[in-house]
C-alpha atoms as a PDB file:
ATOM      1  CA  MET A   1     -34.628 -82.866   0.876  1.00  0.00           C
ATOM      2  CA  ALA A   2     -37.226 -82.782  -1.882  1.00  0.00           C
ATOM      3  CA  SER A   3     -37.483 -85.204  -4.784  1.00  0.00           C
ATOM      4  CA  SER A   4     -38.455 -84.453  -8.375  1.00  0.00           C
ATOM      5  CA  SER A   5     -42.105 -84.985  -7.400  1.00  0.00           C
ATOM      6  CA  PRO A   6     -43.772 -81.756  -6.214  1.00  0.00           C
ATOM      7  CA  GLY A   7     -44.735 -81.780  -2.546  1.00  0.00           C
ATOM      8  CA  TRP A   8     -42.744 -84.955  -1.702  1.00  0.00           C
ATOM      9  CA  GLN A   9     -40.102 -84.844   1.002  1.00  0.00           C
ATOM     10  CA  ILE A  10     -38.026 -87.142   3.200  1.00  0.00           C
ATOM     11  CA  THR A  11     -39.839 -88.260   6.350  1.00  0.00           C
ATOM     12  CA  PRO A  12     -38.400 -89.535   9.656  1.00  0.00           C
ATOM     13  CA  ARG A  13     -39.506 -93.046   8.628  1.00  0.00           C
ATOM     14  CA  ASP A  14     -37.550 -92.689   5.368  1.00  0.00           C
ATOM     15  CA  ARG A  15     -34.473 -91.894   7.428  1.00  0.00           C
ATOM     16  CA  GLU A  16     -35.055 -95.011   9.546  1.00  0.00           C
ATOM     17  CA  LEU A  17     -35.377 -97.059   6.363  1.00  0.00           C
ATOM     18  CA  LEU A  18     -32.153 -95.643   4.931  1.00  0.00           C
ATOM     19  CA  ALA A  19     -30.375 -96.163   8.248  1.00  0.00           C
ATOM     20  CA  ALA A  20     -31.543 -99.809   8.297  1.00  0.00           C
ATOM     21  CA  LEU A  21     -29.731-100.453   5.012  1.00  0.00           C
ATOM     22  CA  HIS A  22     -26.500 -99.925   6.934  1.00  0.00           C
ATOM     23  CA  TYR A  23     -27.021-103.427   8.373  1.00  0.00           C
ATOM     24  CA  ALA A  24     -27.269-105.227   5.028  1.00  0.00           C
ATOM     25  CA  PRO A  25     -29.130-105.206   1.714  1.00  0.00           C
ATOM     26  CA  PHE A  26     -32.802-105.854   2.432  1.00  0.00           C
ATOM     27  CA  THR A  27     -35.932-106.716   0.473  1.00  0.00           C
ATOM     28  CA  ALA A  28     -39.275-104.958   0.979  1.00  0.00           C
ATOM     29  CA  ARG A  29     -40.474-108.044   2.854  1.00  0.00           C
ATOM     30  CA  GLN A  30     -37.535-107.861   5.243  1.00  0.00           C
ATOM     31  CA  LEU A  31     -37.867-104.100   5.721  1.00  0.00           C
ATOM     32  CA  HIS A  32     -41.564-104.505   6.505  1.00  0.00           C
ATOM     33  CA  LYS A  33     -40.701-106.857   9.357  1.00  0.00           C
ATOM     34  CA  LEU A  34     -37.793-104.722  10.526  1.00  0.00           C
ATOM     35  CA  SER A  35     -40.017-101.636  10.585  1.00  0.00           C
ATOM     36  CA  CYS A  36     -41.825-103.148  13.586  1.00  0.00           C
ATOM     37  CA  THR A  37     -38.853-101.896  15.605  1.00  0.00           C
ATOM     38  CA  TRP A  38     -39.217 -98.310  14.312  1.00  0.00           C
ATOM     39  CA  THR A  39     -41.188 -95.388  15.642  1.00  0.00           C
ATOM     40  CA  GLU A  40     -43.690 -95.683  12.777  1.00  0.00           C
ATOM     41  CA  PRO A  41     -43.936 -99.209  11.304  1.00  0.00           C
ATOM     42  CA  PHE A  42     -45.177 -99.965   7.794  1.00  0.00           C
ATOM     43  CA  SER A  43     -48.510-101.781   7.729  1.00  0.00           C
ATOM     44  CA  SER A  44     -47.656-103.888   4.656  1.00  0.00           C
ATOM     45  CA  ALA A  45     -44.783-104.893   2.391  1.00  0.00           C
ATOM     46  CA  ARG A  46     -46.637-103.241  -0.514  1.00  0.00           C
ATOM     47  CA  LEU A  47     -46.337 -99.861   1.204  1.00  0.00           C
ATOM     48  CA  VAL A  48     -42.628-100.501   1.744  1.00  0.00           C
ATOM     49  CA  ARG A  49     -42.202-101.207  -1.978  1.00  0.00           C
ATOM     50  CA  ASP A  50     -44.092 -98.038  -2.851  1.00  0.00           C
ATOM     51  CA  ARG A  51     -41.843 -95.996  -0.590  1.00  0.00           C
ATOM     52  CA  LEU A  52     -38.714 -97.639  -1.949  1.00  0.00           C
ATOM     53  CA  GLN A  53     -39.807 -96.710  -5.461  1.00  0.00           C
ATOM     54  CA  ARG A  54     -40.053 -93.101  -4.300  1.00  0.00           C
ATOM     55  CA  LEU A  55     -36.606 -93.269  -2.739  1.00  0.00           C
ATOM     56  CA  ALA A  56     -35.199 -94.880  -5.883  1.00  0.00           C
ATOM     57  CA  ALA A  57     -36.708 -92.100  -8.018  1.00  0.00           C
ATOM     58  CA  ALA A  58     -34.973 -89.608  -5.712  1.00  0.00           C
ATOM     59  CA  LYS A  59     -31.714 -91.580  -6.227  1.00  0.00           C
ATOM     60  CA  LEU A  60     -31.424 -92.412  -2.535  1.00  0.00           C
ATOM     61  CA  VAL A  61     -31.596 -96.214  -2.972  1.00  0.00           C
ATOM     62  CA  ALA A  62     -30.836 -98.622  -5.806  1.00  0.00           C
ATOM     63  CA  ALA A  63     -32.882-101.750  -6.543  1.00  0.00           C
ATOM     64  CA  HIS A  64     -31.360-105.036  -7.709  1.00  0.00           C
ATOM     65  CA  ARG A  65     -32.996-108.389  -8.394  1.00  0.00           C
ATOM     66  CA  TYR A  66     -32.061-111.589  -6.566  1.00  0.00           C
ATOM     67  CA  ALA A  67     -31.284-114.250  -9.151  1.00  0.00           C
ATOM     68  CA  ILE A  68     -31.819-116.995  -6.566  1.00  0.00           C
ATOM     69  CA  LEU A  69     -35.567-117.541  -6.458  1.00  0.00           C
ATOM     70  CA  ARG A  70     -37.562-118.399  -3.370  1.00  0.00           C
ATOM     71  CA  PRO A  71     -41.168-119.644  -3.235  1.00  0.00           C
ATOM     72  CA  GLY A  72     -43.389-116.874  -4.545  1.00  0.00           C
ATOM     73  CA  GLN A  73     -42.440-113.868  -6.640  1.00  0.00           C
ATOM     74  CA  PRO A  74     -38.824-112.874  -7.422  1.00  0.00           C
ATOM     75  CA  GLU A  75     -37.553-110.305  -4.916  1.00  0.00           C
ATOM     76  CA  ASN A  76     -35.677-107.079  -5.327  1.00  0.00           C
ATOM     77  CA  TYR A  77     -33.145-106.114  -2.692  1.00  0.00           C
ATOM     78  CA  TYR A  78     -32.146-102.553  -1.975  1.00  0.00           C
ATOM     79  CA  VAL A  79     -28.876-100.811  -1.175  1.00  0.00           C
ATOM     80  CA  PRO A  80     -28.340 -97.124  -0.463  1.00  0.00           C
ATOM     81  CA  THR A  81     -26.772 -94.856  -3.043  1.00  0.00           C
ATOM     82  CA  ARG A  82     -23.936 -92.562  -1.979  1.00  0.00           C
ATOM     83  CA  GLN A  83     -26.469 -89.748  -1.728  1.00  0.00           C
ATOM     84  CA  GLY A  84     -28.762 -91.860   0.467  1.00  0.00           C
ATOM     85  CA  TYR A  85     -25.861 -92.954   2.671  1.00  0.00           C
ATOM     86  CA  GLN A  86     -24.660 -89.394   3.198  1.00  0.00           C
ATOM     87  CA  LEU A  87     -28.184 -88.191   3.945  1.00  0.00           C
ATOM     88  CA  VAL A  88     -28.147 -90.396   7.055  1.00  0.00           C
ATOM     89  CA  HIS A  89     -24.462 -90.381   8.023  1.00  0.00           C
ATOM     90  CA  GLY A  90     -23.374 -86.892   7.022  1.00  0.00           C
ATOM     91  CA  PRO A  91     -22.291 -85.144   3.801  1.00  0.00           C
ATOM     92  CA  ASP A  92     -18.617 -86.071   4.217  1.00  0.00           C
ATOM     93  CA  SER A  93     -19.131 -89.676   5.329  1.00  0.00           C
ATOM     94  CA  GLU A  94     -17.834 -92.603   3.286  1.00  0.00           C
ATOM     95  CA  PRO A  95     -19.263 -96.157   3.182  1.00  0.00           C
ATOM     96  CA  PRO A  96     -17.312 -98.621   5.362  1.00  0.00           C
ATOM     97  CA  THR A  97     -16.470-101.044   2.517  1.00  0.00           C
ATOM     98  CA  LYS A  98     -15.947-100.830  -1.237  1.00  0.00           C
ATOM     99  CA  GLY A  99     -18.918-103.067  -1.964  1.00  0.00           C
ATOM    100  CA  PHE A 100     -21.318-101.334   0.411  1.00  0.00           C
ATOM    101  CA  LEU A 101     -23.219 -99.557  -2.374  1.00  0.00           C
ATOM    102  CA  SER A 102     -22.875-102.353  -4.943  1.00  0.00           C
ATOM    103  CA  ARG A 103     -25.077-105.228  -6.050  1.00  0.00           C
ATOM    104  CA  VAL A 104     -24.492-108.622  -4.412  1.00  0.00           C
ATOM    105  CA  ALA A 105     -22.361-110.985  -6.510  1.00  0.00           C
ATOM    106  CA  LEU A 106     -24.300-113.971  -7.841  1.00  0.00           C
ATOM    107  CA  GLY A 107     -22.268-116.509  -5.883  1.00  0.00           C
ATOM    108  CA  ARG A 108     -22.856-114.591  -2.648  1.00  0.00           C
ATOM    109  CA  GLN A 109     -26.615-114.205  -2.985  1.00  0.00           C
ATOM    110  CA  PRO A 110     -27.703-117.326  -1.016  1.00  0.00           C
ATOM    111  CA  HIS A 111     -25.386-116.283   1.812  1.00  0.00           C
ATOM    112  CA  GLN A 112     -26.674-112.701   1.749  1.00  0.00           C
ATOM    113  CA  GLN A 113     -30.323-113.761   1.751  1.00  0.00           C
ATOM    114  CA  ALA A 114     -29.725-115.948   4.807  1.00  0.00           C
ATOM    115  CA  LEU A 115     -27.689-113.300   6.617  1.00  0.00           C
ATOM    116  CA  SER A 116     -30.265-110.573   5.967  1.00  0.00           C
ATOM    117  CA  ASP A 117     -33.080-112.819   7.220  1.00  0.00           C
ATOM    118  CA  PHE A 118     -31.072-113.598  10.353  1.00  0.00           C
ATOM    119  CA  ILE A 119     -30.369-109.919  11.082  1.00  0.00           C
ATOM    120  CA  VAL A 120     -33.998-108.887  10.615  1.00  0.00           C
ATOM    121  CA  HIS A 121     -35.354-111.687  12.812  1.00  0.00           C
ATOM    122  CA  THR A 122     -32.801-110.899  15.517  1.00  0.00           C
ATOM    123  CA  ALA A 123     -33.692-107.193  15.574  1.00  0.00           C
ATOM    124  CA  TRP A 124     -37.406-108.063  15.539  1.00  0.00           C
ATOM    125  CA  GLY A 125     -36.963-110.642  18.296  1.00  0.00           C
ATOM    126  CA  ALA A 126     -34.954-108.276  20.477  1.00  0.00           C
ATOM    127  CA  HIS A 127     -37.707-105.684  20.146  1.00  0.00           C
ATOM    128  CA  GLN A 128     -40.369-108.283  21.023  1.00  0.00           C
ATOM    129  CA  SER A 129     -38.473-109.152  24.215  1.00  0.00           C
ATOM    130  CA  GLY A 130     -37.776-105.580  25.294  1.00  0.00           C
ATOM    131  CA  LEU A 131     -34.073-105.648  24.440  1.00  0.00           C
ATOM    132  CA  SER A 132     -32.012-103.259  22.342  1.00  0.00           C
ATOM    133  CA  LEU A 133     -29.797-104.224  19.427  1.00  0.00           C
ATOM    134  CA  ALA A 134     -26.680-102.046  19.275  1.00  0.00           C
ATOM    135  CA  GLY A 135     -22.984-102.075  18.440  1.00  0.00           C
ATOM    136  CA  PHE A 136     -23.674-103.573  15.016  1.00  0.00           C
ATOM    137  CA  TYR A 137     -20.886-104.421  12.564  1.00  0.00           C
ATOM    138  CA  ARG A 138     -21.896-105.606   9.133  1.00  0.00           C
ATOM    139  CA  GLU A 139     -20.041-108.153   7.025  1.00  0.00           C
ATOM    140  CA  ASN A 140     -16.373-107.369   6.298  1.00  0.00           C
ATOM    141  CA  THR A 141     -16.247-104.394   8.677  1.00  0.00           C
ATOM    142  CA  ILE A 142     -14.679-106.081  11.723  1.00  0.00           C
ATOM    143  CA  ARG A 143     -11.578-108.280  11.935  1.00  0.00           C
ATOM    144  CA  LEU A 144     -10.622-110.297  15.003  1.00  0.00           C
ATOM    145  CA  ASP A 145      -6.889-111.007  15.320  1.00  0.00           C
ATOM    146  CA  ALA A 146      -5.415-113.854  17.335  1.00  0.00           C
ATOM    147  CA  GLY A 147      -1.705-114.040  16.663  1.00  0.00           C
ATOM    148  CA  ALA A 148      -1.047-115.125  13.088  1.00  0.00           C
ATOM    149  CA  ARG A 149      -4.710-115.899  12.512  1.00  0.00           C
ATOM    150  CA  SER A 150      -7.658-113.613  11.923  1.00  0.00           C
ATOM    151  CA  VAL A 151     -11.357-113.987  11.185  1.00  0.00           C
ATOM    152  CA  TYR A 152     -14.001-111.718   9.672  1.00  0.00           C
ATOM    153  CA  PRO A 153     -17.434-112.478  11.181  1.00  0.00           C
ATOM    154  CA  ASP A 154     -20.469-112.211   8.913  1.00  0.00           C
ATOM    155  CA  CYS A 155     -21.791-109.659  11.389  1.00  0.00           C
ATOM    156  CA  SER A 156     -21.516-108.728  15.045  1.00  0.00           C
ATOM    157  CA  PHE A 157     -23.923-107.068  17.456  1.00  0.00           C
ATOM    158  CA  LEU A 158     -24.781-106.396  21.077  1.00  0.00           C
ATOM    159  CA  LEU A 159     -28.052-107.273  22.780  1.00  0.00           C
ATOM    160  CA  MET A 160     -28.634-104.934  25.721  1.00  0.00           C
ATOM    161  CA  ARG A 161     -30.960-105.157  28.688  1.00  0.00           C
ATOM    162  CA  GLY A 162     -30.369-102.409  31.217  1.00  0.00           C
ATOM    163  CA  ARG A 163     -26.683-102.569  32.097  1.00  0.00           C
ATOM    164  CA  GLU A 164     -26.311-106.101  30.735  1.00  0.00           C
ATOM    165  CA  ARG A 165     -24.382-106.470  27.482  1.00  0.00           C
ATOM    166  CA  PHE A 166     -24.274-109.621  25.341  1.00  0.00           C
ATOM    167  CA  ARG A 167     -21.851-109.629  22.364  1.00  0.00           C
ATOM    168  CA  PHE A 168     -22.260-112.028  19.433  1.00  0.00           C
ATOM    169  CA  PHE A 169     -20.316-112.879  16.300  1.00  0.00           C
ATOM    170  CA  VAL A 170     -22.270-114.593  13.516  1.00  0.00           C
ATOM    171  CA  GLU A 171     -21.144-117.222  11.016  1.00  0.00           C
ATOM    172  CA  ILE A 172     -23.701-118.124   8.339  1.00  0.00           C
ATOM    173  CA  ASP A 173     -22.811-121.614   7.115  1.00  0.00           C
ATOM    174  CA  ASN A 174     -23.885-122.433   3.553  1.00  0.00           C
ATOM    175  CA  GLY A 175     -22.189-125.824   3.639  1.00  0.00           C
ATOM    176  CA  THR A 176     -19.411-124.819   1.241  1.00  0.00           C
ATOM    177  CA  GLU A 177     -16.453-124.710   3.655  1.00  0.00           C
ATOM    178  CA  ARG A 178     -14.600-127.731   4.958  1.00  0.00           C
ATOM    179  CA  VAL A 179     -15.379-128.486   8.569  1.00  0.00           C
ATOM    180  CA  ARG A 180     -12.037-130.054   9.497  1.00  0.00           C
ATOM    181  CA  SER A 181      -8.812-128.663   8.032  1.00  0.00           C
ATOM    182  CA  GLN A 182      -6.260-126.537   9.834  1.00  0.00           C
ATOM    183  CA  LYS A 183      -4.438-125.902   6.564  1.00  0.00           C
ATOM    184  CA  ASP A 184      -7.503-124.586   4.730  1.00  0.00           C
ATOM    185  CA  THR A 185      -7.821-120.853   5.466  1.00  0.00           C
ATOM    186  CA  GLU A 186     -11.578-120.976   4.980  1.00  0.00           C
ATOM    187  CA  SER A 187     -12.249-124.068   7.102  1.00  0.00           C
ATOM    188  CA  ILE A 188     -14.656-124.111  10.031  1.00  0.00           C
ATOM    189  CA  GLU A 189     -11.925-125.610  12.219  1.00  0.00           C
ATOM    190  CA  ARG A 190      -9.633-122.676  11.591  1.00  0.00           C
ATOM    191  CA  LYS A 191     -12.425-120.246  12.487  1.00  0.00           C
ATOM    192  CA  ILE A 192     -13.177-122.099  15.717  1.00  0.00           C
ATOM    193  CA  ARG A 193      -9.521-122.101  16.747  1.00  0.00           C
ATOM    194  CA  THR A 194      -9.207-118.394  15.918  1.00  0.00           C
ATOM    195  CA  TYR A 195     -12.287-117.391  17.916  1.00  0.00           C
ATOM    196  CA  ASP A 196     -11.108-119.548  20.822  1.00  0.00           C
ATOM    197  CA  ALA A 197      -7.648-117.935  20.779  1.00  0.00           C
ATOM    198  CA  PHE A 198      -9.188-114.470  20.483  1.00  0.00           C
ATOM    199  CA  GLN A 199     -11.270-115.126  23.615  1.00  0.00           C
ATOM    200  CA  ASP A 200      -8.120-116.247  25.444  1.00  0.00           C
ATOM    201  CA  ARG A 201      -6.557-112.880  24.664  1.00  0.00           C
ATOM    202  CA  ARG A 202      -9.584-111.007  26.032  1.00  0.00           C
ATOM    203  CA  PRO A 203     -10.793-112.974  29.052  1.00  0.00           C
ATOM    204  CA  GLY A 204     -12.736-110.022  30.450  1.00  0.00           C
ATOM    205  CA  HIS A 205     -14.773-109.508  27.267  1.00  0.00           C
ATOM    206  CA  ARG A 206     -17.115-112.464  26.878  1.00  0.00           C
ATOM    207  CA  PHE A 207     -18.913-113.206  23.631  1.00  0.00           C
ATOM    208  CA  ARG A 208     -20.659-116.033  21.811  1.00  0.00           C
ATOM    209  CA  VAL A 209     -20.105-117.247  18.250  1.00  0.00           C
ATOM    210  CA  LEU A 210     -23.315-118.249  16.455  1.00  0.00           C
ATOM    211  CA  PHE A 211     -23.071-120.831  13.683  1.00  0.00           C
ATOM    212  CA  VAL A 212     -26.276-120.761  11.648  1.00  0.00           C
ATOM    213  CA  SER A 213     -26.851-123.474   9.052  1.00  0.00           C
ATOM    214  CA  ALA A 214     -28.479-121.808   6.052  1.00  0.00           C
ATOM    215  CA  GLN A 215     -28.932-125.268   4.481  1.00  0.00           C
ATOM    216  CA  ASN A 216     -30.790-126.370   7.638  1.00  0.00           C
ATOM    217  CA  SER A 217     -28.470-129.346   8.040  1.00  0.00           C
ATOM    218  CA  ARG A 218     -28.666-130.619  11.601  1.00  0.00           C
ATOM    219  CA  GLU A 219     -26.037-133.243  10.775  1.00  0.00           C
ATOM    220  CA  ARG A 220     -23.504-130.650   9.631  1.00  0.00           C
ATOM    221  CA  LEU A 221     -24.325-128.449  12.617  1.00  0.00           C
ATOM    222  CA  SER A 222     -23.678-131.419  14.887  1.00  0.00           C
ATOM    223  CA  HIS A 223     -20.278-131.938  13.224  1.00  0.00           C
ATOM    224  CA  ILE A 224     -19.389-128.280  13.815  1.00  0.00           C
ATOM    225  CA  LEU A 225     -20.352-128.364  17.497  1.00  0.00           C
ATOM    226  CA  ASP A 226     -18.615-131.727  18.031  1.00  0.00           C
ATOM    227  CA  LEU A 227     -15.482-130.218  16.516  1.00  0.00           C
ATOM    228  CA  ALA A 228     -15.753-127.212  18.812  1.00  0.00           C
ATOM    229  CA  ALA A 229     -15.962-129.540  21.822  1.00  0.00           C
ATOM    230  CA  GLN A 230     -12.748-131.250  20.707  1.00  0.00           C
ATOM    231  CA  VAL A 231     -10.568-128.241  19.905  1.00  0.00           C
ATOM    232  CA  ILE A 232     -11.500-125.517  22.423  1.00  0.00           C
ATOM    233  CA  ARG A 233      -8.874-125.017  25.108  1.00  0.00           C
ATOM    234  CA  ASP A 234     -11.309-124.711  27.993  1.00  0.00           C
ATOM    235  CA  PRO A 235     -14.168-127.250  27.705  1.00  0.00           C
ATOM    236  CA  ASN A 236     -15.990-125.528  30.568  1.00  0.00           C
ATOM    237  CA  ARG A 237     -16.273-122.325  28.540  1.00  0.00           C
ATOM    238  CA  THR A 238     -19.448-122.040  26.472  1.00  0.00           C
ATOM    239  CA  LEU A 239     -18.270-120.114  23.440  1.00  0.00           C
ATOM    240  CA  PHE A 240     -20.018-121.612  20.396  1.00  0.00           C
ATOM    241  CA  TYR A 241     -23.736-121.927  19.721  1.00  0.00           C
ATOM    242  CA  GLY A 242     -25.435-123.439  16.694  1.00  0.00           C
ATOM    243  CA  THR A 243     -28.879-123.589  15.115  1.00  0.00           C
ATOM    244  CA  THR A 244     -30.482-124.029  11.717  1.00  0.00           C
ATOM    245  CA  LEU A 245     -31.840-120.974   9.965  1.00  0.00           C
ATOM    246  CA  ALA A 246     -35.318-122.513   9.662  1.00  0.00           C
ATOM    247  CA  THR A 247     -35.426-123.198  13.409  1.00  0.00           C
ATOM    248  CA  TYR A 248     -34.394-119.645  14.191  1.00  0.00           C
ATOM    249  CA  LEU A 249     -36.745-117.925  11.751  1.00  0.00           C
ATOM    250  CA  THR A 250     -39.778-119.884  12.975  1.00  0.00           C
ATOM    251  CA  THR A 251     -39.172-119.095  16.652  1.00  0.00           C
ATOM    252  CA  HIS A 252     -41.503-116.419  17.999  1.00  0.00           C
ATOM    253  CA  HIS A 253     -39.076-115.371  20.739  1.00  0.00           C
ATOM    254  CA  PRO A 254     -35.749-116.045  18.979  1.00  0.00           C
ATOM    255  CA  VAL A 255     -33.608-114.048  21.400  1.00  0.00           C
ATOM    256  CA  THR A 256     -34.872-115.512  24.683  1.00  0.00           C
ATOM    257  CA  ALA A 257     -35.968-119.025  23.635  1.00  0.00           C
ATOM    258  CA  PRO A 258     -33.341-121.796  24.009  1.00  0.00           C
ATOM    259  CA  ARG A 259     -33.206-122.630  20.292  1.00  0.00           C
ATOM    260  CA  PHE A 260     -29.407-122.761  20.041  1.00  0.00           C
ATOM    261  CA  LEU A 261     -27.277-125.759  21.010  1.00  0.00           C
ATOM    262  CA  ASP A 262     -23.881-125.456  22.685  1.00  0.00           C
ATOM    263  CA  HIS A 263     -20.944-127.855  22.286  1.00  0.00           C
ATOM    264  CA  ARG A 264     -22.423-130.079  25.011  1.00  0.00           C
ATOM    265  CA  GLY A 265     -25.750-130.385  23.193  1.00  0.00           C
ATOM    266  CA  ASP A 266     -27.607-128.238  25.732  1.00  0.00           C
ATOM    267  CA  GLY A 267     -30.233-125.728  24.582  1.00  0.00           C
ATOM    268  CA  GLN A 268     -29.253-122.094  25.053  1.00  0.00           C
ATOM    269  CA  PRO A 269     -30.966-118.721  24.495  1.00  0.00           C
ATOM    270  CA  LEU A 270     -29.040-115.708  23.276  1.00  0.00           C
ATOM    271  CA  VAL A 271     -30.176-113.809  26.374  1.00  0.00           C
ATOM    272  CA  PRO A 272     -31.498-115.453  29.563  1.00  0.00           C
ATOM    273  CA  ASP A 273     -35.245-115.003  29.714  1.00  0.00           C
ATOM    274  CA  ILE A 274     -36.806-112.957  32.495  1.00  0.00           C
ATOM    275  CA  LYS A 275     -40.226-112.316  30.931  1.00  0.00           C
ATOM    276  CA  LEU A 276     -41.311-115.242  28.825  1.00  0.00           C
ATOM    277  CA  ALA A 277     -43.416-117.875  30.571  1.00  0.00           C
ATOM    278  CA  SER A 278     -41.874-121.321  30.821  1.00  0.00           C
ATOM    279  CA  ALA A 279     -44.545-122.815  28.571  1.00  0.00           C
ATOM    280  CA  ARG A 280     -43.769-122.866  24.871  1.00  0.00           C
ATOM    281  CA  PRO A 281     -45.796-120.491  22.666  1.00  0.00           C
ATOM    282  CA  PRO A 282     -48.785-121.901  20.776  1.00  0.00           C
ATOM    283  CA  ALA A 283     -47.958-123.614  17.490  1.00  0.00           C
ATOM    284  CA  ALA A 284     -49.666-120.808  15.587  1.00  0.00           C
ATOM    285  CA  LEU A 285     -47.108-118.364  16.928  1.00  0.00           C
ATOM    286  CA  ARG A 286     -44.070-120.431  16.018  1.00  0.00           C
ATOM    287  CA  SER A 287     -44.427-119.625  12.340  1.00  0.00           C
ATOM    288  CA  VAL A 288     -44.136-115.888  12.368  1.00  0.00           C
ATOM    289  CA  ALA A 289     -46.505-114.857   9.601  1.00  0.00           C
ATOM    290  CA  THR A 290     -47.452-111.333  10.657  1.00  0.00           C
ATOM    291  CA  PRO A 291     -44.440-109.194  11.651  1.00  0.00           C
ATOM    292  CA  CYS A 292     -46.196-106.504  13.684  1.00  0.00           C
END
């Protein structure tokens, strides 16, 4: 497919970029890091922005500005257009949700920024540790039913190593929901009880639920895990993990390092490590400055 610029055409890396936007809206910074998992990574975020401008001119992506500022320059985030989505998924394909191609609502932007960062770091970390990320469901595309209750995870994915499969459901916590309240539909307690009941209905399909504090509140995270310890039906079952977003994003081996806590307060990795040495990585590696 050619654009309006003579001699310009879609490359395999462009297709990987467009396919990546199926996970979530991403910024150029996030796509630069995610590209480390592709066949041909980008060498800088500037080159990602340049390519996104080309794709926007060809009406394959749309750029929107985050109103919530972070340290540094304001960031644009990108979503595919219908044309860009169908280029990857087929001419008759339809986006999985109504808001898939739309800008992120102002009130949802902090949540989306945190979720997108978490997804990118997870994919990057899986690649670093020789694992595959598969079976991905983005926000609002999967519903788990447990009797009269249901829950929509913020995302879900598999980490695969050979024949091993590890399923995760993610809950990004921005500190806006009540922790304890069975009556409140949006409470953390109701989510915990629903996930616990859903696992009871599928005993042969194990998974973990990851609570990630986007506000980096260890106190709130402790309340959530203490609550899980009190309400789960089988206290010997390790179902819920928790960490702060800052802890996760500054871990060089986020998938195999024990940076999550379970309801007993024990450190847990997402996937048991078989490669990483027992010694912790040097301090310089813990802040991941250079993606590739």
